[in-house]
Amino acid sequence: NRLLRWLVPVAATLVVVAGVGGYFAGMMGSATSNGGFMAAATGTAVTDALAVTPSGTEVSVASAGYAVTASATGTYETDGGVCRIYEASSDGQFLRGITCTGGEGWSVPVATLEQAGETYRPASEAGLYALDAFLDGVGAGGDIGDAAEQDMIARGWQ
């Protein structure tokens, strides 16, 4: 009985780890084949446009040969500055990522490619987990809200 009590949770954990590992391995393969879109959707043309745009407002920019449409969906103060969750798409490809600044320029420390559909875009649990885990790791609190976000945009995120 004692062995069985340990064996079931260990087996369940291995199944979860294998599933998440397989997901990320698949995403790495997808990122390689969609490297152009990944580079476009995480490039400075997109992050600079989002830096001056309130959450919920779409921007369209040319980036690395792609016409990218992007929108920030939330803004969070972190231990090192400010991070924003955003979504970007182009020609049926979809990315969800986080862009962060410490006051000088923006970078994209984490992004996931998602499945895009004509009317329905499922949010991958593993992809959302990666974004949430990153925000937790940098000490993000709740979304700062529209008024604070507008103020930060006006001050150049300083």
C-alpha atoms as a PDB file:
ATOM      1  CA  ASN A   1       0.000   0.000   0.000  1.00  0.00           C
ATOM      2  CA  ARG A   2       2.804   2.413   0.887  1.00  0.00           C
ATOM      3  CA  LEU A   3       4.485   1.849  -2.501  1.00  0.00           C
ATOM      4  CA  LEU A   4       1.176   2.331  -4.332  1.00  0.00           C
ATOM      5  CA  ARG A   5       0.535   5.647  -2.540  1.00  0.00           C
ATOM      6  CA  TRP A   6       3.833   6.991  -3.948  1.00  0.00           C
ATOM      7  CA  LEU A   7       3.696   5.301  -7.329  1.00  0.00           C
ATOM      8  CA  VAL A   8       0.445   6.904  -8.518  1.00  0.00           C
ATOM      9  CA  PRO A   9       1.484  10.551  -7.836  1.00  0.00           C
ATOM     10  CA  VAL A  10       4.935   9.947  -9.330  1.00  0.00           C
ATOM     11  CA  ALA A  11       3.413   8.408 -12.465  1.00  0.00           C
ATOM     12  CA  ALA A  12       0.942  11.293 -12.784  1.00  0.00           C
ATOM     13  CA  THR A  13       3.775  13.810 -12.419  1.00  0.00           C
ATOM     14  CA  LEU A  14       5.784  12.067 -15.131  1.00  0.00           C
ATOM     15  CA  VAL A  15       2.797  12.183 -17.485  1.00  0.00           C
ATOM     16  CA  VAL A  16       2.379  15.939 -16.890  1.00  0.00           C
ATOM     17  CA  VAL A  17       6.113  16.616 -17.325  1.00  0.00           C
ATOM     18  CA  ALA A  18       6.177  14.577 -20.545  1.00  0.00           C
ATOM     19  CA  GLY A  19       3.123  16.421 -21.872  1.00  0.00           C
ATOM     20  CA  VAL A  20       4.507  19.894 -21.108  1.00  0.00           C
ATOM     21  CA  GLY A  21       7.937  18.881 -22.399  1.00  0.00           C
ATOM     22  CA  GLY A  22       6.382  17.595 -25.610  1.00  0.00           C
ATOM     23  CA  TYR A  23       4.433  20.818 -26.003  1.00  0.00           C
ATOM     24  CA  PHE A  24       7.559  22.961 -25.658  1.00  0.00           C
ATOM     25  CA  ALA A  25       9.528  20.677 -27.987  1.00  0.00           C
ATOM     26  CA  GLY A  26       6.745  21.098 -30.534  1.00  0.00           C
ATOM     27  CA  MET A  27       6.785  24.850 -30.051  1.00  0.00           C
ATOM     28  CA  MET A  28      10.545  24.922 -30.640  1.00  0.00           C
ATOM     29  CA  GLY A  29      10.027  23.103 -33.934  1.00  0.00           C
ATOM     30  CA  SER A  30       7.195  25.478 -34.766  1.00  0.00           C
ATOM     31  CA  ALA A  31       9.334  28.479 -33.839  1.00  0.00           C
ATOM     32  CA  THR A  32      12.055  27.260 -36.172  1.00  0.00           C
ATOM     33  CA  SER A  33       9.683  26.844 -39.093  1.00  0.00           C
ATOM     34  CA  ASN A  34       7.944  30.121 -38.240  1.00  0.00           C
ATOM     35  CA  GLY A  35      11.173  31.918 -37.257  1.00  0.00           C
ATOM     36  CA  GLY A  36      10.420  34.793 -39.603  1.00  0.00           C
ATOM     37  CA  PHE A  37       7.078  35.474 -37.957  1.00  0.00           C
ATOM     38  CA  MET A  38       8.534  35.005 -34.460  1.00  0.00           C
ATOM     39  CA  ALA A  39      11.262  37.546 -35.257  1.00  0.00           C
ATOM     40  CA  ALA A  40       8.729  39.950 -36.765  1.00  0.00           C
ATOM     41  CA  ALA A  41       6.256  39.690 -33.874  1.00  0.00           C
ATOM     42  CA  THR A  42       8.971  40.196 -31.235  1.00  0.00           C
ATOM     43  CA  GLY A  43      10.935  42.861 -33.112  1.00  0.00           C
ATOM     44  CA  THR A  44      11.456  46.501 -32.212  1.00  0.00           C
ATOM     45  CA  ALA A  45       8.891  47.726 -34.748  1.00  0.00           C
ATOM     46  CA  VAL A  46       6.178  45.903 -32.785  1.00  0.00           C
ATOM     47  CA  THR A  47       7.476  46.659 -29.278  1.00  0.00           C
ATOM     48  CA  ASP A  48       8.046  50.344 -30.095  1.00  0.00           C
ATOM     49  CA  ALA A  49       4.499  50.654 -31.477  1.00  0.00           C
ATOM     50  CA  LEU A  50       3.046  48.962 -28.391  1.00  0.00           C
ATOM     51  CA  ALA A  51       5.067  51.289 -26.128  1.00  0.00           C
ATOM     52  CA  VAL A  52       2.953  54.260 -27.216  1.00  0.00           C
ATOM     53  CA  THR A  53      -0.384  52.438 -27.468  1.00  0.00           C
ATOM     54  CA  PRO A  54      -2.862  51.783 -24.627  1.00  0.00           C
ATOM     55  CA  SER A  55      -3.931  48.223 -23.874  1.00  0.00           C
ATOM     56  CA  GLY A  56      -6.799  47.026 -26.021  1.00  0.00           C
ATOM     57  CA  THR A  57      -5.849  49.221 -28.990  1.00  0.00           C
ATOM     58  CA  GLU A  58      -4.609  47.412 -32.097  1.00  0.00           C
ATOM     59  CA  VAL A  59      -1.579  48.650 -33.995  1.00  0.00           C
ATOM     60  CA  SER A  60      -0.461  47.513 -37.437  1.00  0.00           C
ATOM     61  CA  VAL A  61       3.211  47.680 -38.340  1.00  0.00           C
ATOM     62  CA  ALA A  62       5.574  46.320 -40.951  1.00  0.00           C
ATOM     63  CA  SER A  63       8.189  44.156 -39.265  1.00  0.00           C
ATOM     64  CA  ALA A  64      10.757  41.849 -40.879  1.00  0.00           C
ATOM     65  CA  GLY A  65       8.670  41.513 -44.038  1.00  0.00           C
ATOM     66  CA  TYR A  66       5.377  40.809 -42.225  1.00  0.00           C
ATOM     67  CA  ALA A  67       2.318  43.009 -41.750  1.00  0.00           C
ATOM     68  CA  VAL A  68       1.871  42.473 -38.010  1.00  0.00           C
ATOM     69  CA  THR A  69      -1.228  43.442 -36.038  1.00  0.00           C
ATOM     70  CA  ALA A  70      -0.602  43.658 -32.287  1.00  0.00           C
ATOM     71  CA  SER A  71      -2.384  44.692 -29.116  1.00  0.00           C
ATOM     72  CA  ALA A  72      -1.303  44.877 -25.479  1.00  0.00           C
ATOM     73  CA  THR A  73      -3.746  43.072 -23.202  1.00  0.00           C
ATOM     74  CA  GLY A  74      -2.349  44.005 -19.790  1.00  0.00           C
ATOM     75  CA  THR A  75       0.343  46.084 -18.085  1.00  0.00           C
ATOM     76  CA  TYR A  76       2.157  45.076 -14.890  1.00  0.00           C
ATOM     77  CA  GLU A  77       4.734  46.710 -12.645  1.00  0.00           C
ATOM     78  CA  THR A  78       7.551  44.300 -11.831  1.00  0.00           C
ATOM     79  CA  ASP A  79      10.658  44.250  -9.676  1.00  0.00           C
ATOM     80  CA  GLY A  80      12.695  45.452 -12.682  1.00  0.00           C
ATOM     81  CA  GLY A  81      10.306  47.869 -14.412  1.00  0.00           C
ATOM     82  CA  VAL A  82       7.143  47.326 -16.423  1.00  0.00           C
ATOM     83  CA  CYS A  83       5.946  44.354 -18.499  1.00  0.00           C
ATOM     84  CA  ARG A  84       3.019  44.098 -20.900  1.00  0.00           C
ATOM     85  CA  ILE A  85       1.301  40.983 -22.197  1.00  0.00           C
ATOM     86  CA  TYR A  86       0.530  41.298 -25.887  1.00  0.00           C
ATOM     87  CA  GLU A  87      -0.856  39.395 -28.836  1.00  0.00           C
ATOM     88  CA  ALA A  88       0.394  39.647 -32.402  1.00  0.00           C
ATOM     89  CA  SER A  89      -0.790  38.078 -35.635  1.00  0.00           C
ATOM     90  CA  SER A  90      -0.009  38.004 -39.332  1.00  0.00           C
ATOM     91  CA  ASP A  91      -1.334  35.819 -42.143  1.00  0.00           C
ATOM     92  CA  GLY A  92      -2.934  33.217 -39.861  1.00  0.00           C
ATOM     93  CA  GLN A  93       0.008  33.049 -37.445  1.00  0.00           C
ATOM     94  CA  PHE A  94      -0.499  34.094 -33.834  1.00  0.00           C
ATOM     95  CA  LEU A  95       1.884  34.903 -30.982  1.00  0.00           C
ATOM     96  CA  ARG A  96       1.276  35.746 -27.354  1.00  0.00           C
ATOM     97  CA  GLY A  97       4.210  37.328 -25.552  1.00  0.00           C
ATOM     98  CA  ILE A  98       5.492  39.628 -22.860  1.00  0.00           C
ATOM     99  CA  THR A  99       7.474  42.775 -23.577  1.00  0.00           C
ATOM    100  CA  CYS A 100       9.340  44.498 -20.734  1.00  0.00           C
ATOM    101  CA  THR A 101      11.265  47.691 -20.088  1.00  0.00           C
ATOM    102  CA  GLY A 102      13.392  48.986 -17.271  1.00  0.00           C
ATOM    103  CA  GLY A 103      13.133  52.487 -18.747  1.00  0.00           C
ATOM    104  CA  GLU A 104      15.446  52.068 -21.746  1.00  0.00           C
ATOM    105  CA  GLY A 105      14.023  50.152 -24.684  1.00  0.00           C
ATOM    106  CA  TRP A 106      11.775  47.124 -24.744  1.00  0.00           C
ATOM    107  CA  SER A 107      12.648  43.436 -24.963  1.00  0.00           C
ATOM    108  CA  VAL A 108      10.575  40.270 -25.319  1.00  0.00           C
ATOM    109  CA  PRO A 109      11.835  37.751 -22.750  1.00  0.00           C
ATOM    110  CA  VAL A 110       9.092  35.193 -23.411  1.00  0.00           C
ATOM    111  CA  ALA A 111       6.701  34.477 -26.289  1.00  0.00           C
ATOM    112  CA  THR A 112       4.661  31.500 -27.442  1.00  0.00           C
ATOM    113  CA  LEU A 113       3.312  30.676 -30.862  1.00  0.00           C
ATOM    114  CA  GLU A 114      -0.351  29.712 -30.715  1.00  0.00           C
ATOM    115  CA  GLN A 115      -2.764  28.046 -33.095  1.00  0.00           C
ATOM    116  CA  ALA A 116      -4.749  30.588 -35.082  1.00  0.00           C
ATOM    117  CA  GLY A 117      -8.176  29.973 -36.522  1.00  0.00           C
ATOM    118  CA  GLU A 118     -10.608  32.066 -38.494  1.00  0.00           C
ATOM    119  CA  THR A 119     -12.981  32.728 -35.608  1.00  0.00           C
ATOM    120  CA  TYR A 120     -11.566  30.814 -32.650  1.00  0.00           C
ATOM    121  CA  ARG A 121      -8.082  30.985 -31.206  1.00  0.00           C
ATOM    122  CA  PRO A 122      -7.539  28.492 -28.389  1.00  0.00           C
ATOM    123  CA  ALA A 123      -5.224  29.606 -25.618  1.00  0.00           C
ATOM    124  CA  SER A 124      -2.689  26.903 -24.972  1.00  0.00           C
ATOM    125  CA  GLU A 125      -2.523  26.033 -21.283  1.00  0.00           C
ATOM    126  CA  ALA A 126       1.232  25.457 -21.438  1.00  0.00           C
ATOM    127  CA  GLY A 127       1.759  28.754 -23.277  1.00  0.00           C
ATOM    128  CA  LEU A 128      -0.305  30.689 -20.740  1.00  0.00           C
ATOM    129  CA  TYR A 129       1.506  28.891 -17.925  1.00  0.00           C
ATOM    130  CA  ALA A 130       4.851  30.063 -19.337  1.00  0.00           C
ATOM    131  CA  LEU A 131       3.657  33.686 -19.427  1.00  0.00           C
ATOM    132  CA  ASP A 132       2.168  33.516 -15.919  1.00  0.00           C
ATOM    133  CA  ALA A 133       5.291  31.836 -14.554  1.00  0.00           C
ATOM    134  CA  PHE A 134       7.460  34.572 -16.048  1.00  0.00           C
ATOM    135  CA  LEU A 135       5.308  37.343 -14.528  1.00  0.00           C
ATOM    136  CA  ASP A 136       5.380  35.604 -11.142  1.00  0.00           C
ATOM    137  CA  GLY A 137       9.159  35.288 -11.417  1.00  0.00           C
ATOM    138  CA  VAL A 138       9.667  39.017 -11.989  1.00  0.00           C
ATOM    139  CA  GLY A 139       7.369  39.999  -9.117  1.00  0.00           C
ATOM    140  CA  ALA A 140       4.454  41.312 -11.169  1.00  0.00           C
ATOM    141  CA  GLY A 141       1.372  42.420  -9.281  1.00  0.00           C
ATOM    142  CA  GLY A 142      -2.047  42.899 -10.810  1.00  0.00           C
ATOM    143  CA  ASP A 143      -2.749  44.891 -13.968  1.00  0.00           C
ATOM    144  CA  ILE A 144      -2.031  48.563 -13.204  1.00  0.00           C
ATOM    145  CA  GLY A 145      -5.231  49.791 -14.885  1.00  0.00           C
ATOM    146  CA  ASP A 146      -5.995  52.293 -17.629  1.00  0.00           C
ATOM    147  CA  ALA A 147      -5.229  55.559 -15.784  1.00  0.00           C
ATOM    148  CA  ALA A 148      -1.821  54.432 -14.511  1.00  0.00           C
ATOM    149  CA  GLU A 149      -0.989  52.970 -17.920  1.00  0.00           C
ATOM    150  CA  GLN A 150      -1.873  56.240 -19.690  1.00  0.00           C
ATOM    151  CA  ASP A 151       0.320  58.123 -17.216  1.00  0.00           C
ATOM    152  CA  MET A 152       3.247  55.766 -17.814  1.00  0.00           C
ATOM    153  CA  ILE A 153       2.869  56.060 -21.601  1.00  0.00           C
ATOM    154  CA  ALA A 154       2.854  59.865 -21.294  1.00  0.00           C
ATOM    155  CA  ARG A 155       6.034  59.751 -19.166  1.00  0.00           C
ATOM    156  CA  GLY A 156       7.800  57.366 -21.566  1.00  0.00           C
ATOM    157  CA  TRP A 157       7.561  54.499 -19.064  1.00  0.00           C
ATOM    158  CA  GLN A 158       9.834  56.319 -16.592  1.00  0.00           C
END
